[in-house]
């Protein structure tokens, strides 16, 4: 893993833990075996031409995120961001809660 990707991963994990702390949820820790399993599943979905779907892995939470760029950026230059994924995940959770509570 490159230094830039590793830095984003650590920052993204910290962002997730900050969001979780707002709700007294336990902190998450980085797991390289989970990263490898998730990447393997993502590679499988791409190879199959599938959309997003959860794997049948048991005992782990799964958050599926897709980044879309419509600005002409070539795919080879797109760098996924765990920070952006964490922010998107949390904003989705807040919208769901507000909808349920009629905010």
PDB file of N, CA and C in Angstrom:
ATOM      1  N   UNK A   1       0.858  -1.166   0.000  1.00  0.00           N
ATOM      2  CA  UNK A   1       0.000   0.000   0.000  1.00  0.00           C
ATOM      3  C   UNK A   1       0.905   1.230   0.000  1.00  0.00           C
ATOM      4  N   UNK A   2       0.630   2.187  -0.901  1.00  0.00           N
ATOM      5  CA  UNK A   2       1.463   3.380  -0.981  1.00  0.00           C
ATOM      6  C   UNK A   2       1.293   4.225   0.274  1.00  0.00           C
ATOM      7  N   UNK A   3       2.255   5.100   0.499  1.00  0.00           N
ATOM      8  CA  UNK A   3       2.211   5.970   1.666  1.00  0.00           C
ATOM      9  C   UNK A   3       0.971   6.869   1.644  1.00  0.00           C
ATOM     10  N   UNK A   4       0.625   7.391   0.444  1.00  0.00           N
ATOM     11  CA  UNK A   4      -0.556   8.263   0.331  1.00  0.00           C
ATOM     12  C   UNK A   4      -1.834   7.505   0.655  1.00  0.00           C
ATOM     13  N   UNK A   5      -1.961   6.282   0.120  1.00  0.00           N
ATOM     14  CA  UNK A   5      -3.155   5.476   0.383  1.00  0.00           C
ATOM     15  C   UNK A   5      -3.220   5.091   1.853  1.00  0.00           C
ATOM     16  N   UNK A   6      -2.081   4.713   2.428  1.00  0.00           N
ATOM     17  CA  UNK A   6      -2.048   4.347   3.842  1.00  0.00           C
ATOM     18  C   UNK A   6      -2.435   5.542   4.713  1.00  0.00           C
ATOM     19  N   UNK A   7      -1.945   6.731   4.367  1.00  0.00           N
ATOM     20  CA  UNK A   7      -2.296   7.935   5.131  1.00  0.00           C
ATOM     21  C   UNK A   7      -3.787   8.213   5.068  1.00  0.00           C
ATOM     22  N   UNK A   8      -4.377   8.063   3.879  1.00  0.00           N
ATOM     23  CA  UNK A   8      -5.814   8.267   3.741  1.00  0.00           C
ATOM     24  C   UNK A   8      -6.583   7.207   4.521  1.00  0.00           C
ATOM     25  N   UNK A   9      -6.096   5.982   4.495  1.00  0.00           N
ATOM     26  CA  UNK A   9      -6.770   4.907   5.226  1.00  0.00           C
ATOM     27  C   UNK A   9      -6.776   5.205   6.722  1.00  0.00           C
ATOM     28  N   UNK A  10      -5.644   5.644   7.252  1.00  0.00           N
ATOM     29  CA  UNK A  10      -5.574   5.966   8.678  1.00  0.00           C
ATOM     30  C   UNK A  10      -6.465   7.156   9.005  1.00  0.00           C
ATOM     31  N   UNK A  11      -6.454   8.182   8.149  1.00  0.00           N
ATOM     32  CA  UNK A  11      -7.298   9.352   8.374  1.00  0.00           C
ATOM     33  C   UNK A  11      -8.777   8.980   8.246  1.00  0.00           C
ATOM     34  N   UNK A  12      -9.104   8.142   7.278  1.00  0.00           N
ATOM     35  CA  UNK A  12     -10.487   7.709   7.091  1.00  0.00           C
ATOM     36  C   UNK A  12     -10.986   6.892   8.265  1.00  0.00           C
ATOM     37  N   UNK A  13     -10.148   6.001   8.773  1.00  0.00           N
ATOM     38  CA  UNK A  13     -10.522   5.201   9.934  1.00  0.00           C
ATOM     39  C   UNK A  13     -10.746   6.107  11.145  1.00  0.00           C
ATOM     40  N   UNK A  14      -9.886   7.097  11.312  1.00  0.00           N
ATOM     41  CA  UNK A  14     -10.056   8.031  12.422  1.00  0.00           C
ATOM     42  C   UNK A  14     -11.361   8.813  12.262  1.00  0.00           C
ATOM     43  N   UNK A  15     -11.686   9.216  11.030  1.00  0.00           N
ATOM     44  CA  UNK A  15     -12.941   9.938  10.787  1.00  0.00           C
ATOM     45  C   UNK A  15     -14.132   9.047  11.147  1.00  0.00           C
ATOM     46  N   UNK A  16     -14.101   7.779  10.720  1.00  0.00           N
ATOM     47  CA  UNK A  16     -15.180   6.855  11.077  1.00  0.00           C
ATOM     48  C   UNK A  16     -15.315   6.745  12.589  1.00  0.00           C
ATOM     49  N   UNK A  17     -14.182   6.626  13.274  1.00  0.00           N
ATOM     50  CA  UNK A  17     -14.218   6.491  14.732  1.00  0.00           C
ATOM     51  C   UNK A  17     -14.745   7.762  15.404  1.00  0.00           C
ATOM     52  N   UNK A  18     -14.470   8.935  14.816  1.00  0.00           N
ATOM     53  CA  UNK A  18     -15.032  10.177  15.359  1.00  0.00           C
ATOM     54  C   UNK A  18     -16.554  10.166  15.234  1.00  0.00           C
ATOM     55  N   UNK A  19     -17.040   9.742  14.089  1.00  0.00           N
ATOM     56  CA  UNK A  19     -18.490   9.655  13.897  1.00  0.00           C
ATOM     57  C   UNK A  19     -19.093   8.624  14.859  1.00  0.00           C
ATOM     58  N   UNK A  20     -18.448   7.495  15.002  1.00  0.00           N
ATOM     59  CA  UNK A  20     -18.961   6.445  15.888  1.00  0.00           C
ATOM     60  C   UNK A  20     -18.982   6.914  17.336  1.00  0.00           C
ATOM     61  N   UNK A  21     -17.977   7.692  17.728  1.00  0.00           N
ATOM     62  CA  UNK A  21     -17.895   8.182  19.111  1.00  0.00           C
ATOM     63  C   UNK A  21     -19.075   9.080  19.457  1.00  0.00           C
ATOM     64  N   UNK A  22     -19.627   9.777  18.463  1.00  0.00           N
ATOM     65  CA  UNK A  22     -20.796  10.629  18.709  1.00  0.00           C
ATOM     66  C   UNK A  22     -21.988   9.822  19.216  1.00  0.00           C
ATOM     67  N   UNK A  23     -21.941   8.503  18.985  1.00  0.00           N
ATOM     68  CA  UNK A  23     -23.058   7.631  19.348  1.00  0.00           C
ATOM     69  C   UNK A  23     -22.624   6.522  20.305  1.00  0.00           C
ATOM     70  N   UNK A  24     -21.508   6.761  20.968  1.00  0.00           N
ATOM     71  CA  UNK A  24     -20.949   5.824  21.951  1.00  0.00           C
ATOM     72  C   UNK A  24     -20.683   4.432  21.363  1.00  0.00           C
ATOM     73  N   UNK A  25     -20.404   4.358  20.078  1.00  0.00           N
ATOM     74  CA  UNK A  25     -20.060   3.072  19.453  1.00  0.00           C
ATOM     75  C   UNK A  25     -18.568   2.815  19.655  1.00  0.00           C
ATOM     76  N   UNK A  26     -18.199   1.556  19.757  1.00  0.00           N
ATOM     77  CA  UNK A  26     -16.793   1.213  19.978  1.00  0.00           C
ATOM     78  C   UNK A  26     -15.948   1.613  18.772  1.00  0.00           C
ATOM     79  N   UNK A  27     -14.677   1.893  19.053  1.00  0.00           N
ATOM     80  CA  UNK A  27     -13.737   2.257  17.992  1.00  0.00           C
ATOM     81  C   UNK A  27     -13.452   1.046  17.120  1.00  0.00           C
ATOM     82  N   UNK A  28     -13.218   1.307  15.851  1.00  0.00           N
ATOM     83  CA  UNK A  28     -12.807   0.270  14.916  1.00  0.00           C
ATOM     84  C   UNK A  28     -11.294   0.270  14.809  1.00  0.00           C
ATOM     85  N   UNK A  29     -10.732  -0.879  14.499  1.00  0.00           N
ATOM     86  CA  UNK A  29      -9.290  -1.001  14.284  1.00  0.00           C
ATOM     87  C   UNK A  29      -9.050  -1.495  12.861  1.00  0.00           C
ATOM     88  N   UNK A  30      -7.930  -1.093  12.282  1.00  0.00           N
ATOM     89  CA  UNK A  30      -7.572  -1.512  10.933  1.00  0.00           C
ATOM     90  C   UNK A  30      -7.275  -3.007  10.926  1.00  0.00           C
ATOM     91  N   UNK A  31      -7.770  -3.707   9.933  1.00  0.00           N
ATOM     92  CA  UNK A  31      -7.532  -5.139   9.800  1.00  0.00           C
ATOM     93  C   UNK A  31      -7.102  -5.434   8.370  1.00  0.00           C
ATOM     94  N   UNK A  32      -5.839  -5.752   8.183  1.00  0.00           N
ATOM     95  CA  UNK A  32      -5.352  -6.045   6.836  1.00  0.00           C
ATOM     96  C   UNK A  32      -6.054  -7.266   6.228  1.00  0.00           C
ATOM     97  N   UNK A  33      -6.338  -8.333   6.992  1.00  0.00           N
ATOM     98  CA  UNK A  33      -7.100  -9.446   6.399  1.00  0.00           C
ATOM     99  C   UNK A  33      -8.483  -9.017   5.900  1.00  0.00           C
ATOM    100  N   UNK A  34      -9.167  -8.115   6.621  1.00  0.00           N
ATOM    101  CA  UNK A  34     -10.461  -7.617   6.149  1.00  0.00           C
ATOM    102  C   UNK A  34     -10.301  -6.756   4.899  1.00  0.00           C
ATOM    103  N   UNK A  35      -9.237  -5.956   4.865  1.00  0.00           N
ATOM    104  CA  UNK A  35      -8.971  -5.139   3.681  1.00  0.00           C
ATOM    105  C   UNK A  35      -8.788  -6.041   2.460  1.00  0.00           C
ATOM    106  N   UNK A  36      -8.001  -7.093   2.631  1.00  0.00           N
ATOM    107  CA  UNK A  36      -7.747  -8.013   1.517  1.00  0.00           C
ATOM    108  C   UNK A  36      -9.022  -8.733   1.079  1.00  0.00           C
ATOM    109  N   UNK A  37      -9.837  -9.134   2.040  1.00  0.00           N
ATOM    110  CA  UNK A  37     -11.102  -9.799   1.701  1.00  0.00           C
ATOM    111  C   UNK A  37     -12.033  -8.832   0.970  1.00  0.00           C
ATOM    112  N   UNK A  38     -12.111  -7.589   1.440  1.00  0.00           N
ATOM    113  CA  UNK A  38     -12.970  -6.595   0.800  1.00  0.00           C
ATOM    114  C   UNK A  38     -12.491  -6.297  -0.616  1.00  0.00           C
ATOM    115  N   UNK A  39     -11.177  -6.178  -0.792  1.00  0.00           N
ATOM    116  CA  UNK A  39     -10.651  -5.920  -2.134  1.00  0.00           C
ATOM    117  C   UNK A  39     -10.921  -7.100  -3.056  1.00  0.00           C
ATOM    118  N   UNK A  40     -10.794  -8.304  -2.527  1.00  0.00           N
ATOM    119  CA  UNK A  40     -11.099  -9.493  -3.318  1.00  0.00           C
ATOM    120  C   UNK A  40     -12.555  -9.504  -3.769  1.00  0.00           C
ATOM    121  N   UNK A  41     -13.463  -9.120  -2.864  1.00  0.00           N
ATOM    122  CA  UNK A  41     -14.885  -9.074  -3.209  1.00  0.00           C
ATOM    123  C   UNK A  41     -15.135  -7.994  -4.258  1.00  0.00           C
ATOM    124  N   UNK A  42     -14.508  -6.829  -4.083  1.00  0.00           N
ATOM    125  CA  UNK A  42     -14.667  -5.740  -5.057  1.00  0.00           C
ATOM    126  C   UNK A  42     -14.156  -6.177  -6.428  1.00  0.00           C
ATOM    127  N   UNK A  43     -13.021  -6.850  -6.460  1.00  0.00           N
ATOM    128  CA  UNK A  43     -12.465  -7.337  -7.728  1.00  0.00           C
ATOM    129  C   UNK A  43     -13.413  -8.333  -8.384  1.00  0.00           C
ATOM    130  N   UNK A  44     -14.015  -9.198  -7.575  1.00  0.00           N
ATOM    131  CA  UNK A  44     -14.973 -10.185  -8.088  1.00  0.00           C
ATOM    132  C   UNK A  44     -16.175  -9.478  -8.720  1.00  0.00           C
ATOM    133  N   UNK A  45     -16.730  -8.488  -8.013  1.00  0.00           N
ATOM    134  CA  UNK A  45     -17.888  -7.776  -8.540  1.00  0.00           C
ATOM    135  C   UNK A  45     -17.562  -7.085  -9.869  1.00  0.00           C
ATOM    136  N   UNK A  46     -16.383  -6.485  -9.943  1.00  0.00           N
ATOM    137  CA  UNK A  46     -15.982  -5.820 -11.189  1.00  0.00           C
ATOM    138  C   UNK A  46     -15.839  -6.845 -12.302  1.00  0.00           C
ATOM    139  N   UNK A  47     -15.175  -7.966 -12.013  1.00  0.00           N
ATOM    140  CA  UNK A  47     -14.959  -9.003 -13.032  1.00  0.00           C
ATOM    141  C   UNK A  47     -16.275  -9.581 -13.535  1.00  0.00           C
ATOM    142  N   UNK A  48     -17.267  -9.662 -12.658  1.00  0.00           N
ATOM    143  CA  UNK A  48     -18.571 -10.207 -13.022  1.00  0.00           C
ATOM    144  C   UNK A  48     -19.479  -9.153 -13.655  1.00  0.00           C
ATOM    145  N   UNK A  49     -19.040  -7.898 -13.611  1.00  0.00           N
ATOM    146  CA  UNK A  49     -19.879  -6.828 -14.136  1.00  0.00           C
ATOM    147  C   UNK A  49     -21.079  -6.553 -13.249  1.00  0.00           C
ATOM    148  N   UNK A  50     -20.950  -6.904 -11.979  1.00  0.00           N
ATOM    149  CA  UNK A  50     -22.067  -6.750 -11.040  1.00  0.00           C
ATOM    150  C   UNK A  50     -22.103  -5.342 -10.469  1.00  0.00           C
ATOM    151  N   UNK A  51     -23.259  -4.961 -10.006  1.00  0.00           N
ATOM    152  CA  UNK A  51     -23.393  -3.742  -9.231  1.00  0.00           C
ATOM    153  C   UNK A  51     -22.955  -4.024  -7.807  1.00  0.00           C
ATOM    154  N   UNK A  52     -23.311  -3.145  -6.917  1.00  0.00           N
ATOM    155  CA  UNK A  52     -22.961  -3.347  -5.517  1.00  0.00           C
ATOM    156  C   UNK A  52     -23.851  -4.411  -4.903  1.00  0.00           C
ATOM    157  N   UNK A  53     -23.236  -5.345  -4.223  1.00  0.00           N
ATOM    158  CA  UNK A  53     -23.983  -6.302  -3.412  1.00  0.00           C
ATOM    159  C   UNK A  53     -23.075  -6.793  -2.305  1.00  0.00           C
ATOM    160  N   UNK A  54     -23.685  -7.073  -1.197  1.00  0.00           N
ATOM    161  CA  UNK A  54     -22.909  -7.511  -0.031  1.00  0.00           C
ATOM    162  C   UNK A  54     -22.429  -8.944  -0.238  1.00  0.00           C
ATOM    163  N   UNK A  55     -21.284  -9.210   0.357  1.00  0.00           N
ATOM    164  CA  UNK A  55     -20.769 -10.576   0.309  1.00  0.00           C
ATOM    165  C   UNK A  55     -21.505 -11.409   1.359  1.00  0.00           C
ATOM    166  N   UNK A  56     -21.246 -12.690   1.366  1.00  0.00           N
ATOM    167  CA  UNK A  56     -21.882 -13.551   2.365  1.00  0.00           C
ATOM    168  C   UNK A  56     -20.990 -13.742   3.591  1.00  0.00           C
ATOM    169  N   UNK A  57     -20.001 -12.867   3.754  1.00  0.00           N
ATOM    170  CA  UNK A  57     -19.110 -12.941   4.913  1.00  0.00           C
ATOM    171  C   UNK A  57     -19.930 -12.750   6.186  1.00  0.00           C
ATOM    172  N   UNK A  58     -19.639 -13.564   7.180  1.00  0.00           N
ATOM    173  CA  UNK A  58     -20.366 -13.480   8.447  1.00  0.00           C
ATOM    174  C   UNK A  58     -19.510 -12.811   9.505  1.00  0.00           C
ATOM    175  N   UNK A  59     -20.166 -12.105  10.402  1.00  0.00           N
ATOM    176  CA  UNK A  59     -19.478 -11.525  11.543  1.00  0.00           C
ATOM    177  C   UNK A  59     -18.776 -10.203  11.271  1.00  0.00           C
ATOM    178  N   UNK A  60     -19.015  -9.619  10.101  1.00  0.00           N
ATOM    179  CA  UNK A  60     -18.402  -8.326   9.789  1.00  0.00           C
ATOM    180  C   UNK A  60     -19.469  -7.399   9.223  1.00  0.00           C
ATOM    181  N   UNK A  61     -19.342  -6.119   9.526  1.00  0.00           N
ATOM    182  CA  UNK A  61     -20.222  -5.132   8.918  1.00  0.00           C
ATOM    183  C   UNK A  61     -19.724  -4.814   7.519  1.00  0.00           C
ATOM    184  N   UNK A  62     -20.617  -4.388   6.670  1.00  0.00           N
ATOM    185  CA  UNK A  62     -20.228  -4.059   5.301  1.00  0.00           C
ATOM    186  C   UNK A  62     -20.876  -2.745   4.895  1.00  0.00           C
ATOM    187  N   UNK A  63     -20.058  -1.824   4.459  1.00  0.00           N
ATOM    188  CA  UNK A  63     -20.531  -0.567   3.908  1.00  0.00           C
ATOM    189  C   UNK A  63     -20.019  -0.501   2.482  1.00  0.00           C
ATOM    190  N   UNK A  64     -20.919  -0.371   1.547  1.00  0.00           N
ATOM    191  CA  UNK A  64     -20.558  -0.333   0.129  1.00  0.00           C
ATOM    192  C   UNK A  64     -20.609   1.106  -0.356  1.00  0.00           C
ATOM    193  N   UNK A  65     -19.547   1.535  -1.014  1.00  0.00           N
ATOM    194  CA  UNK A  65     -19.442   2.913  -1.477  1.00  0.00           C
ATOM    195  C   UNK A  65     -18.974   2.918  -2.920  1.00  0.00           C
ATOM    196  N   UNK A  66     -19.564   3.794  -3.707  1.00  0.00           N
ATOM    197  CA  UNK A  66     -19.138   3.996  -5.089  1.00  0.00           C
ATOM    198  C   UNK A  66     -18.821   5.468  -5.266  1.00  0.00           C
ATOM    199  N   UNK A  67     -17.708   5.748  -5.921  1.00  0.00           N
ATOM    200  CA  UNK A  67     -17.375   7.115  -6.271  1.00  0.00           C
ATOM    201  C   UNK A  67     -17.614   7.294  -7.756  1.00  0.00           C
ATOM    202  N   UNK A  68     -18.336   8.328  -8.107  1.00  0.00           N
ATOM    203  CA  UNK A  68     -18.571   8.661  -9.508  1.00  0.00           C
ATOM    204  C   UNK A  68     -17.915   9.997  -9.825  1.00  0.00           C
ATOM    205  N   UNK A  69     -17.252  10.054 -10.948  1.00  0.00           N
ATOM    206  CA  UNK A  69     -16.656  11.296 -11.415  1.00  0.00           C
ATOM    207  C   UNK A  69     -17.212  11.570 -12.794  1.00  0.00           C
ATOM    208  N   UNK A  70     -17.790  12.717 -12.956  1.00  0.00           N
ATOM    209  CA  UNK A  70     -18.389  13.076 -14.223  1.00  0.00           C
ATOM    210  C   UNK A  70     -17.714  14.323 -14.785  1.00  0.00           C
ATOM    211  N   UNK A  71     -16.440  14.498 -14.413  1.00  0.00           N
ATOM    212  CA  UNK A  71     -15.735  15.714 -14.833  1.00  0.00           C
ATOM    213  C   UNK A  71     -14.662  15.443 -15.883  1.00  0.00           C
ATOM    214  N   UNK A  72     -14.685  14.255 -16.478  1.00  0.00           N
ATOM    215  CA  UNK A  72     -13.700  13.918 -17.497  1.00  0.00           C
ATOM    216  C   UNK A  72     -12.398  13.372 -16.953  1.00  0.00           C
ATOM    217  N   UNK A  73     -12.318  13.173 -15.632  1.00  0.00           N
ATOM    218  CA  UNK A  73     -11.107  12.626 -15.044  1.00  0.00           C
ATOM    219  C   UNK A  73     -10.922  11.186 -15.510  1.00  0.00           C
ATOM    220  N   UNK A  74      -9.750  10.860 -16.096  1.00  0.00           N
ATOM    221  CA  UNK A  74      -9.529   9.473 -16.522  1.00  0.00           C
ATOM    222  C   UNK A  74      -9.533   8.526 -15.321  1.00  0.00           C
ATOM    223  N   UNK A  75     -10.068   7.330 -15.510  1.00  0.00           N
ATOM    224  CA  UNK A  75     -10.137   6.343 -14.424  1.00  0.00           C
ATOM    225  C   UNK A  75      -8.769   6.119 -13.782  1.00  0.00           C
ATOM    226  N   UNK A  76      -7.714   6.144 -14.578  1.00  0.00           N
ATOM    227  CA  UNK A  76      -6.371   5.878 -14.057  1.00  0.00           C
ATOM    228  C   UNK A  76      -5.914   6.952 -13.075  1.00  0.00           C
ATOM    229  N   UNK A  77      -6.549   8.119 -13.077  1.00  0.00           N
ATOM    230  CA  UNK A  77      -6.155   9.208 -12.189  1.00  0.00           C
ATOM    231  C   UNK A  77      -7.051   9.340 -10.962  1.00  0.00           C
ATOM    232  N   UNK A  78      -8.109   8.578 -10.908  1.00  0.00           N
ATOM    233  CA  UNK A  78      -9.043   8.669  -9.787  1.00  0.00           C
ATOM    234  C   UNK A  78      -8.450   7.953  -8.586  1.00  0.00           C
ATOM    235  N   UNK A  79      -8.372   8.656  -7.475  1.00  0.00           N
ATOM    236  CA  UNK A  79      -7.872   8.074  -6.237  1.00  0.00           C
ATOM    237  C   UNK A  79      -9.017   7.972  -5.243  1.00  0.00           C
ATOM    238  N   UNK A  80      -9.445   6.748  -4.916  1.00  0.00           N
ATOM    239  CA  UNK A  80     -10.523   6.618  -3.933  1.00  0.00           C
ATOM    240  C   UNK A  80     -10.081   7.183  -2.588  1.00  0.00           C
ATOM    241  N   UNK A  81     -11.019   7.686  -1.853  1.00  0.00           N
ATOM    242  CA  UNK A  81     -10.713   8.315  -0.571  1.00  0.00           C
ATOM    243  C   UNK A  81     -11.583   7.719   0.522  1.00  0.00           C
ATOM    244  N   UNK A  82     -10.942   7.141   1.519  1.00  0.00           N
ATOM    245  CA  UNK A  82     -11.693   6.609   2.653  1.00  0.00           C
ATOM    246  C   UNK A  82     -12.312   7.743   3.464  1.00  0.00           C
ATOM    247  N   UNK A  83     -11.653   8.901   3.478  1.00  0.00           N
ATOM    248  CA  UNK A  83     -12.232  10.058   4.175  1.00  0.00           C
ATOM    249  C   UNK A  83     -13.558  10.440   3.517  1.00  0.00           C
ATOM    250  N   UNK A  84     -13.570  10.519   2.192  1.00  0.00           N
ATOM    251  CA  UNK A  84     -14.805  10.868   1.482  1.00  0.00           C
ATOM    252  C   UNK A  84     -15.866   9.800   1.708  1.00  0.00           C
ATOM    253  N   UNK A  85     -15.455   8.541   1.720  1.00  0.00           N
ATOM    254  CA  UNK A  85     -16.405   7.450   1.955  1.00  0.00           C
ATOM    255  C   UNK A  85     -16.995   7.543   3.363  1.00  0.00           C
ATOM    256  N   UNK A  86     -16.160   7.860   4.352  1.00  0.00           N
ATOM    257  CA  UNK A  86     -16.644   7.994   5.736  1.00  0.00           C
ATOM    258  C   UNK A  86     -17.653   9.128   5.842  1.00  0.00           C
ATOM    259  N   UNK A  87     -17.351  10.254   5.205  1.00  0.00           N
ATOM    260  CA  UNK A  87     -18.274  11.393   5.247  1.00  0.00           C
ATOM    261  C   UNK A  87     -19.593  11.055   4.554  1.00  0.00           C
ATOM    262  N   UNK A  88     -19.506  10.380   3.418  1.00  0.00           N
ATOM    263  CA  UNK A  88     -20.718   9.993   2.686  1.00  0.00           C
ATOM    264  C   UNK A  88     -21.549   9.022   3.509  1.00  0.00           C
ATOM    265  N   UNK A  89     -20.885   8.062   4.142  1.00  0.00           N
ATOM    266  CA  UNK A  89     -21.592   7.087   4.984  1.00  0.00           C
ATOM    267  C   UNK A  89     -22.333   7.802   6.108  1.00  0.00           C
ATOM    268  N   UNK A  90     -21.652   8.705   6.801  1.00  0.00           N
ATOM    269  CA  UNK A  90     -22.285   9.353   7.938  1.00  0.00           C
ATOM    270  C   UNK A  90     -23.432  10.258   7.503  1.00  0.00           C
ATOM    271  N   UNK A  91     -23.251  10.981   6.412  1.00  0.00           N
ATOM    272  CA  UNK A  91     -24.337  11.855   5.972  1.00  0.00           C
ATOM    273  C   UNK A  91     -25.565  11.029   5.592  1.00  0.00           C
ATOM    274  N   UNK A  92     -25.346   9.827   5.051  1.00  0.00           N
ATOM    275  CA  UNK A  92     -26.460   8.923   4.743  1.00  0.00           C
ATOM    276  C   UNK A  92     -27.151   8.483   6.022  1.00  0.00           C
ATOM    277  N   UNK A  93     -26.374   8.175   7.049  1.00  0.00           N
ATOM    278  CA  UNK A  93     -26.950   7.743   8.325  1.00  0.00           C
ATOM    279  C   UNK A  93     -27.769   8.872   8.945  1.00  0.00           C
ATOM    280  N   UNK A  94     -27.261  10.100   8.880  1.00  0.00           N
ATOM    281  CA  UNK A  94     -27.978  11.248   9.443  1.00  0.00           C
ATOM    282  C   UNK A  94     -29.285  11.463   8.687  1.00  0.00           C
ATOM    283  N   UNK A  95     -29.245  11.378   7.349  1.00  0.00           N
ATOM    284  CA  UNK A  95     -30.479  11.552   6.566  1.00  0.00           C
ATOM    285  C   UNK A  95     -31.494  10.479   6.917  1.00  0.00           C
ATOM    286  N   UNK A  96     -31.046   9.238   7.089  1.00  0.00           N
ATOM    287  CA  UNK A  96     -31.978   8.156   7.459  1.00  0.00           C
ATOM    288  C   UNK A  96     -32.622   8.434   8.801  1.00  0.00           C
ATOM    289  N   UNK A  97     -31.814   8.860   9.763  1.00  0.00           N
ATOM    290  CA  UNK A  97     -32.335   9.141  11.095  1.00  0.00           C
ATOM    291  C   UNK A  97     -33.340  10.294  11.041  1.00  0.00           C
ATOM    292  N   UNK A  98     -32.982  11.352  10.328  1.00  0.00           N
ATOM    293  CA  UNK A  98     -33.896  12.501  10.221  1.00  0.00           C
ATOM    294  C   UNK A  98     -35.201  12.085   9.542  1.00  0.00           C
ATOM    295  N   UNK A  99     -35.108  11.261   8.526  1.00  0.00           N
ATOM    296  CA  UNK A  99     -36.317  10.793   7.850  1.00  0.00           C
ATOM    297  C   UNK A  99     -37.177   9.990   8.830  1.00  0.00           C
ATOM    298  N   UNK A 100     -36.538   9.124   9.610  1.00  0.00           N
ATOM    299  CA  UNK A 100     -37.285   8.297  10.556  1.00  0.00           C
ATOM    300  C   UNK A 100     -37.916   9.160  11.653  1.00  0.00           C
ATOM    301  N   UNK A 101     -37.236  10.251  12.027  1.00  0.00           N
ATOM    302  CA  UNK A 101     -37.743  11.117  13.082  1.00  0.00           C
ATOM    303  C   UNK A 101     -38.518  12.307  12.540  1.00  0.00           C
ATOM    304  N   UNK A 102     -38.665  12.377  11.228  1.00  0.00           N
ATOM    305  CA  UNK A 102     -39.354  13.486  10.560  1.00  0.00           C
ATOM    306  C   UNK A 102     -38.718  14.829  10.894  1.00  0.00           C
ATOM    307  N   UNK A 103     -37.391  14.905  10.789  1.00  0.00           N
ATOM    308  CA  UNK A 103     -36.660  16.168  11.049  1.00  0.00           C
ATOM    309  C   UNK A 103     -37.027  17.208  10.021  1.00  0.00           C
TER     310      UNK A 103
END
